[in-house]
Each structure stands twice: as structure tokens, then as C-alpha cells.
Amino acid sequence: YKHSVCKVDDPNCDTLLLYEPNDVKLFENTLYIADTNN
């Protein structure tokens, strides 16, 4: 969502989004994502 990031250790983070993901892979109907900065 438009440059929004949420760090995994941020106490103000109620919904953990992605933070500079570096990879994505599909298996069946699931995406596996390298959430790099988290």
C-alpha cells in the first residue's frame, strides 16, 4: 500500500506488511515471499 512499511519489531505495527521484499515464488495457490527487511 503506497510505500507503507511496518517493521516486525515495531510496537505501533498492528498489520505487518512487506518491507523491501526481494523474491516471490508460486506453489499451488500460495506465494512464498522473501520479506527481506523484516
ModelCIF file with pLDDT and N, C-alpha, C, O atoms, coordinates in Angstrom:
data_MODEL
#
_entry.id   MODEL 
#
_entity.id                         1 
_entity.type                       polymer 
_entity.pdbx_number_of_molecules   1 
#
_entity_poly.entity_id                      1 
_entity_poly.type                           'polypeptide(L)' 
_entity_poly.nstd_linkage                   no 
_entity_poly.nstd_monomer                   no 
_entity_poly.pdbx_seq_one_letter_code       YKHSVCKVDDPNCDTLLLYEPNDVKLFENTLYIADTNN 
_entity_poly.pdbx_seq_one_letter_code_can   YKHSVCKVDDPNCDTLLLYEPNDVKLFENTLYIADTNN 
_entity_poly.pdbx_strand_id                 A 
#
loop_
_entity_poly_seq.entity_id 
_entity_poly_seq.num 
_entity_poly_seq.mon_id 
_entity_poly_seq.hetero 
1 1  TYR n 
1 2  LYS n 
1 3  HIS n 
1 4  SER n 
1 5  VAL n 
1 6  CYS n 
1 7  LYS n 
1 8  VAL n 
1 9  ASP n 
1 10 ASP n 
1 11 PRO n 
1 12 ASN n 
1 13 CYS n 
1 14 ASP n 
1 15 THR n 
1 16 LEU n 
1 17 LEU n 
1 18 LEU n 
1 19 TYR n 
1 20 GLU n 
1 21 PRO n 
1 22 ASN n 
1 23 ASP n 
1 24 VAL n 
1 25 LYS n 
1 26 LEU n 
1 27 PHE n 
1 28 GLU n 
1 29 ASN n 
1 30 THR n 
1 31 LEU n 
1 32 TYR n 
1 33 ILE n 
1 34 ALA n 
1 35 ASP n 
1 36 THR n 
1 37 ASN n 
1 38 ASN n 
#
_struct_asym.id          A 
_struct_asym.entity_id   1 
#
loop_
_ma_qa_metric.id 
_ma_qa_metric.mode 
_ma_qa_metric.name 
_ma_qa_metric.software_group_id 
_ma_qa_metric.type 
1 global pLDDT . pLDDT 
2 local  pLDDT . pLDDT 
#
_ma_qa_metric_global.metric_id      1 
_ma_qa_metric_global.metric_value   85.26 
_ma_qa_metric_global.model_id       1 
_ma_qa_metric_global.ordinal_id     1 
#
loop_
_ma_qa_metric_local.label_asym_id 
_ma_qa_metric_local.label_comp_id 
_ma_qa_metric_local.label_seq_id 
_ma_qa_metric_local.metric_id 
_ma_qa_metric_local.metric_value 
_ma_qa_metric_local.model_id 
_ma_qa_metric_local.ordinal_id 
A TYR 1  2 73.00 1 1  
A LYS 2  2 63.00 1 2  
A HIS 3  2 57.00 1 3  
A SER 4  2 66.00 1 4  
A VAL 5  2 72.00 1 5  
A CYS 6  2 70.00 1 6  
A LYS 7  2 74.00 1 7  
A VAL 8  2 75.00 1 8  
A ASP 9  2 71.00 1 9  
A ASP 10 2 72.00 1 10 
A PRO 11 2 70.00 1 11 
A ASN 12 2 67.00 1 12 
A CYS 13 2 66.00 1 13 
A ASP 14 2 63.00 1 14 
A THR 15 2 71.00 1 15 
A LEU 16 2 81.00 1 16 
A LEU 17 2 90.00 1 17 
A LEU 18 2 95.00 1 18 
A TYR 19 2 96.00 1 19 
A GLU 20 2 97.00 1 20 
A PRO 21 2 98.00 1 21 
A ASN 22 2 98.00 1 22 
A ASP 23 2 98.00 1 23 
A VAL 24 2 98.00 1 24 
A LYS 25 2 98.00 1 25 
A LEU 26 2 98.00 1 26 
A PHE 27 2 96.00 1 27 
A GLU 28 2 95.00 1 28 
A ASN 29 2 94.00 1 29 
A THR 30 2 98.00 1 30 
A LEU 31 2 98.00 1 31 
A TYR 32 2 98.00 1 32 
A ILE 33 2 98.00 1 33 
A ALA 34 2 98.00 1 34 
A ASP 35 2 97.00 1 35 
A THR 36 2 98.00 1 36 
A ASN 37 2 97.00 1 37 
A ASN 38 2 96.00 1 38 
#
loop_
_atom_site.group_PDB 
_atom_site.id 
_atom_site.type_symbol 
_atom_site.label_atom_id 
_atom_site.label_alt_id 
_atom_site.label_comp_id 
_atom_site.label_asym_id 
_atom_site.label_entity_id 
_atom_site.label_seq_id 
_atom_site.pdbx_PDB_ins_code 
_atom_site.Cartn_x 
_atom_site.Cartn_y 
_atom_site.Cartn_z 
_atom_site.occupancy 
_atom_site.B_iso_or_equiv 
_atom_site.pdbx_formal_charge 
_atom_site.auth_seq_id 
_atom_site.auth_comp_id 
_atom_site.auth_asym_id 
_atom_site.auth_atom_id 
_atom_site.pdbx_PDB_model_num 
ATOM 1   N N  . TYR A 1 1  ? 0.830  -1.199  0.000  1.00 73.00 ? 1  TYR A N  1 
ATOM 2   C CA . TYR A 1 1  ? 0.000  0.000   0.000  1.00 73.00 ? 1  TYR A CA 1 
ATOM 3   C C  . TYR A 1 1  ? 0.863  1.247   0.000  1.00 73.00 ? 1  TYR A C  1 
ATOM 4   O O  . TYR A 1 1  ? 1.233  1.749   1.061  1.00 73.00 ? 1  TYR A O  1 
ATOM 5   N N  . LYS A 1 2  ? 1.191  1.755   -1.197 1.00 63.00 ? 2  LYS A N  1 
ATOM 6   C CA . LYS A 1 2  ? 1.819  3.051   -1.398 1.00 63.00 ? 2  LYS A CA 1 
ATOM 7   C C  . LYS A 1 2  ? 2.911  3.394   -0.376 1.00 63.00 ? 2  LYS A C  1 
ATOM 8   O O  . LYS A 1 2  ? 2.745  4.296   0.445  1.00 63.00 ? 2  LYS A O  1 
ATOM 9   N N  . HIS A 1 3  ? 3.998  2.680   -0.440 1.00 57.00 ? 3  HIS A N  1 
ATOM 10  C CA . HIS A 1 3  ? 5.207  2.974   0.335  1.00 57.00 ? 3  HIS A CA 1 
ATOM 11  C C  . HIS A 1 3  ? 5.069  2.699   1.835  1.00 57.00 ? 3  HIS A C  1 
ATOM 12  O O  . HIS A 1 3  ? 5.999  2.968   2.596  1.00 57.00 ? 3  HIS A O  1 
ATOM 13  N N  . SER A 1 4  ? 3.919  2.166   2.270  1.00 66.00 ? 4  SER A N  1 
ATOM 14  C CA . SER A 1 4  ? 3.769  1.878   3.692  1.00 66.00 ? 4  SER A CA 1 
ATOM 15  C C  . SER A 1 4  ? 4.624  0.674   4.072  1.00 66.00 ? 4  SER A C  1 
ATOM 16  O O  . SER A 1 4  ? 4.631  -0.342  3.378  1.00 66.00 ? 4  SER A O  1 
ATOM 17  N N  . VAL A 1 5  ? 5.340  0.805   5.179  1.00 72.00 ? 5  VAL A N  1 
ATOM 18  C CA . VAL A 1 5  ? 6.103  -0.323  5.702  1.00 72.00 ? 5  VAL A CA 1 
ATOM 19  C C  . VAL A 1 5  ? 5.795  -0.475  7.182  1.00 72.00 ? 5  VAL A C  1 
ATOM 20  O O  . VAL A 1 5  ? 5.395  0.475   7.855  1.00 72.00 ? 5  VAL A O  1 
ATOM 21  N N  . CYS A 1 6  ? 5.987  -1.678  7.666  1.00 70.00 ? 6  CYS A N  1 
ATOM 22  C CA . CYS A 1 6  ? 5.748  -1.967  9.067  1.00 70.00 ? 6  CYS A CA 1 
ATOM 23  C C  . CYS A 1 6  ? 6.801  -2.967  9.499  1.00 70.00 ? 6  CYS A C  1 
ATOM 24  O O  . CYS A 1 6  ? 6.798  -4.111  9.045  1.00 70.00 ? 6  CYS A O  1 
ATOM 25  N N  . LYS A 1 7  ? 7.704  -2.544  10.374 1.00 74.00 ? 7  LYS A N  1 
ATOM 26  C CA . LYS A 1 7  ? 8.773  -3.428  10.822 1.00 74.00 ? 7  LYS A CA 1 
ATOM 27  C C  . LYS A 1 7  ? 8.235  -4.462  11.800 1.00 74.00 ? 7  LYS A C  1 
ATOM 28  O O  . LYS A 1 7  ? 7.298  -4.211  12.558 1.00 74.00 ? 7  LYS A O  1 
ATOM 29  N N  . VAL A 1 8  ? 8.858  -5.625  11.756 1.00 75.00 ? 8  VAL A N  1 
ATOM 30  C CA . VAL A 1 8  ? 8.373  -6.733  12.570 1.00 75.00 ? 8  VAL A CA 1 
ATOM 31  C C  . VAL A 1 8  ? 8.466  -6.431  14.068 1.00 75.00 ? 8  VAL A C  1 
ATOM 32  O O  . VAL A 1 8  ? 7.692  -6.980  14.852 1.00 75.00 ? 8  VAL A O  1 
ATOM 33  N N  . ASP A 1 9  ? 9.403  -5.562  14.479 1.00 71.00 ? 9  ASP A N  1 
ATOM 34  C CA . ASP A 1 9  ? 9.570  -5.262  15.903 1.00 71.00 ? 9  ASP A CA 1 
ATOM 35  C C  . ASP A 1 9  ? 9.015  -3.883  16.277 1.00 71.00 ? 9  ASP A C  1 
ATOM 36  O O  . ASP A 1 9  ? 9.361  -3.339  17.326 1.00 71.00 ? 9  ASP A O  1 
ATOM 37  N N  . ASP A 1 10 ? 8.158  -3.319  15.424 1.00 72.00 ? 10 ASP A N  1 
ATOM 38  C CA . ASP A 1 10 ? 7.570  -2.005  15.684 1.00 72.00 ? 10 ASP A CA 1 
ATOM 39  C C  . ASP A 1 10 ? 6.341  -2.163  16.579 1.00 72.00 ? 10 ASP A C  1 
ATOM 40  O O  . ASP A 1 10 ? 5.368  -2.799  16.172 1.00 72.00 ? 10 ASP A O  1 
ATOM 41  N N  . PRO A 1 11 ? 6.367  -1.587  17.814 1.00 70.00 ? 11 PRO A N  1 
ATOM 42  C CA . PRO A 1 11 ? 5.227  -1.749  18.724 1.00 70.00 ? 11 PRO A CA 1 
ATOM 43  C C  . PRO A 1 11 ? 3.959  -1.080  18.209 1.00 70.00 ? 11 PRO A C  1 
ATOM 44  O O  . PRO A 1 11 ? 2.861  -1.418  18.652 1.00 70.00 ? 11 PRO A O  1 
ATOM 45  N N  . ASN A 1 12 ? 4.094  -0.132  17.275 1.00 67.00 ? 12 ASN A N  1 
ATOM 46  C CA . ASN A 1 12 ? 2.929  0.548   16.719 1.00 67.00 ? 12 ASN A CA 1 
ATOM 47  C C  . ASN A 1 12 ? 2.360  -0.169  15.494 1.00 67.00 ? 12 ASN A C  1 
ATOM 48  O O  . ASN A 1 12 ? 1.445  0.330   14.838 1.00 67.00 ? 12 ASN A O  1 
ATOM 49  N N  . CYS A 1 13 ? 2.909  -1.333  15.201 1.00 66.00 ? 13 CYS A N  1 
ATOM 50  C CA . CYS A 1 13 ? 2.539  -2.054  13.978 1.00 66.00 ? 13 CYS A CA 1 
ATOM 51  C C  . CYS A 1 13 ? 1.404  -3.037  14.281 1.00 66.00 ? 13 CYS A C  1 
ATOM 52  O O  . CYS A 1 13 ? 1.600  -4.038  14.970 1.00 66.00 ? 13 CYS A O  1 
ATOM 53  N N  . ASP A 1 14 ? 0.221  -2.734  13.756 1.00 63.00 ? 14 ASP A N  1 
ATOM 54  C CA . ASP A 1 14 ? -0.891 -3.657  14.001 1.00 63.00 ? 14 ASP A CA 1 
ATOM 55  C C  . ASP A 1 14 ? -1.110 -4.610  12.831 1.00 63.00 ? 14 ASP A C  1 
ATOM 56  O O  . ASP A 1 14 ? -1.717 -5.667  13.002 1.00 63.00 ? 14 ASP A O  1 
ATOM 57  N N  . THR A 1 15 ? -0.623 -4.247  11.638 1.00 71.00 ? 15 THR A N  1 
ATOM 58  C CA . THR A 1 15 ? -0.709 -5.126  10.478 1.00 71.00 ? 15 THR A CA 1 
ATOM 59  C C  . THR A 1 15 ? 0.654  -5.178  9.810  1.00 71.00 ? 15 THR A C  1 
ATOM 60  O O  . THR A 1 15 ? 1.104  -4.179  9.250  1.00 71.00 ? 15 THR A O  1 
ATOM 61  N N  . LEU A 1 16 ? 1.310  -6.315  9.861  1.00 81.00 ? 16 LEU A N  1 
ATOM 62  C CA . LEU A 1 16 ? 2.660  -6.435  9.324  1.00 81.00 ? 16 LEU A CA 1 
ATOM 63  C C  . LEU A 1 16 ? 2.612  -6.571  7.809  1.00 81.00 ? 16 LEU A C  1 
ATOM 64  O O  . LEU A 1 16 ? 2.201  -7.602  7.277  1.00 81.00 ? 16 LEU A O  1 
ATOM 65  N N  . LEU A 1 17 ? 3.036  -5.519  7.126  1.00 90.00 ? 17 LEU A N  1 
ATOM 66  C CA . LEU A 1 17 ? 3.120  -5.534  5.673  1.00 90.00 ? 17 LEU A CA 1 
ATOM 67  C C  . LEU A 1 17 ? 4.516  -5.986  5.254  1.00 90.00 ? 17 LEU A C  1 
ATOM 68  O O  . LEU A 1 17 ? 5.322  -6.380  6.096  1.00 90.00 ? 17 LEU A O  1 
ATOM 69  N N  . LEU A 1 18 ? 4.798  -5.930  3.972  1.00 95.00 ? 18 LEU A N  1 
ATOM 70  C CA . LEU A 1 18 ? 6.112  -6.306  3.471  1.00 95.00 ? 18 LEU A CA 1 
ATOM 71  C C  . LEU A 1 18 ? 7.074  -5.122  3.565  1.00 95.00 ? 18 LEU A C  1 
ATOM 72  O O  . LEU A 1 18 ? 6.669  -3.961  3.516  1.00 95.00 ? 18 LEU A O  1 
ATOM 73  N N  . TYR A 1 19 ? 8.361  -5.451  3.703  1.00 96.00 ? 19 TYR A N  1 
ATOM 74  C CA . TYR A 1 19 ? 9.382  -4.413  3.816  1.00 96.00 ? 19 TYR A CA 1 
ATOM 75  C C  . TYR A 1 19 ? 10.549 -4.776  2.897  1.00 96.00 ? 19 TYR A C  1 
ATOM 76  O O  . TYR A 1 19 ? 11.408 -5.583  3.254  1.00 96.00 ? 19 TYR A O  1 
ATOM 77  N N  . GLU A 1 20 ? 10.564 -4.175  1.721  1.00 97.00 ? 20 GLU A N  1 
ATOM 78  C CA . GLU A 1 20 ? 11.554 -4.444  0.679  1.00 97.00 ? 20 GLU A CA 1 
ATOM 79  C C  . GLU A 1 20 ? 11.683 -5.945  0.359  1.00 97.00 ? 20 GLU A C  1 
ATOM 80  O O  . GLU A 1 20 ? 12.761 -6.520  0.509  1.00 97.00 ? 20 GLU A O  1 
ATOM 81  N N  . PRO A 1 21 ? 10.596 -6.567  -0.074 1.00 98.00 ? 21 PRO A N  1 
ATOM 82  C CA . PRO A 1 21 ? 10.681 -7.980  -0.475 1.00 98.00 ? 21 PRO A CA 1 
ATOM 83  C C  . PRO A 1 21 ? 11.619 -8.152  -1.658 1.00 98.00 ? 21 PRO A C  1 
ATOM 84  O O  . PRO A 1 21 ? 11.593 -7.355  -2.595 1.00 98.00 ? 21 PRO A O  1 
ATOM 85  N N  . ASN A 1 22 ? 12.454 -9.198  -1.620 1.00 98.00 ? 22 ASN A N  1 
ATOM 86  C CA . ASN A 1 22 ? 13.448 -9.440  -2.667 1.00 98.00 ? 22 ASN A CA 1 
ATOM 87  C C  . ASN A 1 22 ? 13.112 -10.613 -3.573 1.00 98.00 ? 22 ASN A C  1 
ATOM 88  O O  . ASN A 1 22 ? 13.758 -10.804 -4.603 1.00 98.00 ? 22 ASN A O  1 
ATOM 89  N N  . ASP A 1 23 ? 12.103 -11.405 -3.198 1.00 98.00 ? 23 ASP A N  1 
ATOM 90  C CA . ASP A 1 23 ? 11.768 -12.545 -4.057 1.00 98.00 ? 23 ASP A CA 1 
ATOM 91  C C  . ASP A 1 23 ? 10.343 -12.994 -3.795 1.00 98.00 ? 23 ASP A C  1 
ATOM 92  O O  . ASP A 1 23 ? 9.775  -12.752 -2.730 1.00 98.00 ? 23 ASP A O  1 
ATOM 93  N N  . VAL A 1 24 ? 9.780  -13.659 -4.805 1.00 98.00 ? 24 VAL A N  1 
ATOM 94  C CA . VAL A 1 24 ? 8.449  -14.257 -4.698 1.00 98.00 ? 24 VAL A CA 1 
ATOM 95  C C  . VAL A 1 24 ? 8.443  -15.514 -5.545 1.00 98.00 ? 24 VAL A C  1 
ATOM 96  O O  . VAL A 1 24 ? 8.945  -15.518 -6.670 1.00 98.00 ? 24 VAL A O  1 
ATOM 97  N N  . LYS A 1 25 ? 7.867  -16.591 -4.996 1.00 98.00 ? 25 LYS A N  1 
ATOM 98  C CA . LYS A 1 25 ? 7.746  -17.855 -5.723 1.00 98.00 ? 25 LYS A CA 1 
ATOM 99  C C  . LYS A 1 25 ? 6.352  -18.425 -5.493 1.00 98.00 ? 25 LYS A C  1 
ATOM 100 O O  . LYS A 1 25 ? 5.805  -18.345 -4.393 1.00 98.00 ? 25 LYS A O  1 
ATOM 101 N N  . LEU A 1 26 ? 5.778  -19.012 -6.571 1.00 98.00 ? 26 LEU A N  1 
ATOM 102 C CA . LEU A 1 26 ? 4.432  -19.580 -6.512 1.00 98.00 ? 26 LEU A CA 1 
ATOM 103 C C  . LEU A 1 26 ? 4.494  -21.086 -6.355 1.00 98.00 ? 26 LEU A C  1 
ATOM 104 O O  . LEU A 1 26 ? 5.252  -21.756 -7.056 1.00 98.00 ? 26 LEU A O  1 
ATOM 105 N N  . PHE A 1 27 ? 3.684  -21.634 -5.417 1.00 96.00 ? 27 PHE A N  1 
ATOM 106 C CA . PHE A 1 27 ? 3.455  -23.078 -5.333 1.00 96.00 ? 27 PHE A CA 1 
ATOM 107 C C  . PHE A 1 27 ? 1.971  -23.285 -5.078 1.00 96.00 ? 27 PHE A C  1 
ATOM 108 O O  . PHE A 1 27 ? 1.401  -22.767 -4.117 1.00 96.00 ? 27 PHE A O  1 
ATOM 109 N N  . GLU A 1 28 ? 1.353  -24.075 -5.988 1.00 95.00 ? 28 GLU A N  1 
ATOM 110 C CA . GLU A 1 28 ? -0.094 -24.259 -5.958 1.00 95.00 ? 28 GLU A CA 1 
ATOM 111 C C  . GLU A 1 28 ? -0.737 -22.877 -5.926 1.00 95.00 ? 28 GLU A C  1 
ATOM 112 O O  . GLU A 1 28 ? -0.564 -22.123 -6.884 1.00 95.00 ? 28 GLU A O  1 
ATOM 113 N N  . ASN A 1 29 ? -1.458 -22.511 -4.895 1.00 94.00 ? 29 ASN A N  1 
ATOM 114 C CA . ASN A 1 29 ? -2.072 -21.183 -4.898 1.00 94.00 ? 29 ASN A CA 1 
ATOM 115 C C  . ASN A 1 29 ? -1.553 -20.314 -3.762 1.00 94.00 ? 29 ASN A C  1 
ATOM 116 O O  . ASN A 1 29 ? -2.268 -19.472 -3.217 1.00 94.00 ? 29 ASN A O  1 
ATOM 117 N N  . THR A 1 30 ? -0.282 -20.544 -3.419 1.00 98.00 ? 30 THR A N  1 
ATOM 118 C CA . THR A 1 30 ? 0.350  -19.771 -2.348 1.00 98.00 ? 30 THR A CA 1 
ATOM 119 C C  . THR A 1 30 ? 1.625  -19.115 -2.865 1.00 98.00 ? 30 THR A C  1 
ATOM 120 O O  . THR A 1 30 ? 2.418  -19.739 -3.570 1.00 98.00 ? 30 THR A O  1 
ATOM 121 N N  . LEU A 1 31 ? 1.807  -17.852 -2.505 1.00 98.00 ? 31 LEU A N  1 
ATOM 122 C CA . LEU A 1 31 ? 3.046  -17.150 -2.816 1.00 98.00 ? 31 LEU A CA 1 
ATOM 123 C C  . LEU A 1 31 ? 3.986  -17.235 -1.617 1.00 98.00 ? 31 LEU A C  1 
ATOM 124 O O  . LEU A 1 31 ? 3.596  -16.927 -0.490 1.00 98.00 ? 31 LEU A O  1 
ATOM 125 N N  . TYR A 1 32 ? 5.213  -17.649 -1.862 1.00 98.00 ? 32 TYR A N  1 
ATOM 126 C CA . TYR A 1 32 ? 6.271  -17.643 -0.849 1.00 98.00 ? 32 TYR A CA 1 
ATOM 127 C C  . TYR A 1 32 ? 7.122  -16.398 -1.112 1.00 98.00 ? 32 TYR A C  1 
ATOM 128 O O  . TYR A 1 32 ? 7.624  -16.200 -2.218 1.00 98.00 ? 32 TYR A O  1 
ATOM 129 N N  . ILE A 1 33 ? 7.276  -15.567 -0.088 1.00 98.00 ? 33 ILE A N  1 
ATOM 130 C CA . ILE A 1 33 ? 7.886  -14.246 -0.268 1.00 98.00 ? 33 ILE A CA 1 
ATOM 131 C C  . ILE A 1 33 ? 9.058  -14.068 0.680  1.00 98.00 ? 33 ILE A C  1 
ATOM 132 O O  . ILE A 1 33 ? 8.940  -14.329 1.878  1.00 98.00 ? 33 ILE A O  1 
ATOM 133 N N  . ALA A 1 34 ? 10.195 -13.622 0.145  1.00 98.00 ? 34 ALA A N  1 
ATOM 134 C CA . ALA A 1 34 ? 11.323 -13.234 0.994  1.00 98.00 ? 34 ALA A CA 1 
ATOM 135 C C  . ALA A 1 34 ? 11.078 -11.797 1.439  1.00 98.00 ? 34 ALA A C  1 
ATOM 136 O O  . ALA A 1 34 ? 11.313 -10.851 0.688  1.00 98.00 ? 34 ALA A O  1 
ATOM 137 N N  . ASP A 1 35 ? 10.603 -11.649 2.672  1.00 97.00 ? 35 ASP A N  1 
ATOM 138 C CA . ASP A 1 35 ? 10.315 -10.325 3.250  1.00 97.00 ? 35 ASP A CA 1 
ATOM 139 C C  . ASP A 1 35 ? 11.614 -9.825  3.879  1.00 97.00 ? 35 ASP A C  1 
ATOM 140 O O  . ASP A 1 35 ? 11.819 -9.926  5.088  1.00 97.00 ? 35 ASP A O  1 
ATOM 141 N N  . THR A 1 36 ? 12.470 -9.292  3.041  1.00 98.00 ? 36 THR A N  1 
ATOM 142 C CA . THR A 1 36 ? 13.892 -9.147  3.359  1.00 98.00 ? 36 THR A CA 1 
ATOM 143 C C  . THR A 1 36 ? 14.164 -8.293  4.588  1.00 98.00 ? 36 THR A C  1 
ATOM 144 O O  . THR A 1 36 ? 14.863 -8.733  5.501  1.00 98.00 ? 36 THR A O  1 
ATOM 145 N N  . ASN A 1 37 ? 13.626 -7.082  4.627  1.00 97.00 ? 37 ASN A N  1 
ATOM 146 C CA . ASN A 1 37 ? 13.949 -6.191  5.747  1.00 97.00 ? 37 ASN A CA 1 
ATOM 147 C C  . ASN A 1 37 ? 13.193 -6.533  7.025  1.00 97.00 ? 37 ASN A C  1 
ATOM 148 O O  . ASN A 1 37 ? 13.479 -5.973  8.084  1.00 97.00 ? 37 ASN A O  1 
ATOM 149 N N  . ASN A 1 38 ? 12.234 -7.445  6.934  1.00 96.00 ? 38 ASN A N  1 
ATOM 150 C CA . ASN A 1 38 ? 11.603 -7.981  8.141  1.00 96.00 ? 38 ASN A CA 1 
ATOM 151 C C  . ASN A 1 38 ? 12.240 -9.298  8.572  1.00 96.00 ? 38 ASN A C  1 
ATOM 152 O O  . ASN A 1 38 ? 11.828 -9.886  9.572  1.00 96.00 ? 38 ASN A O  1 
#
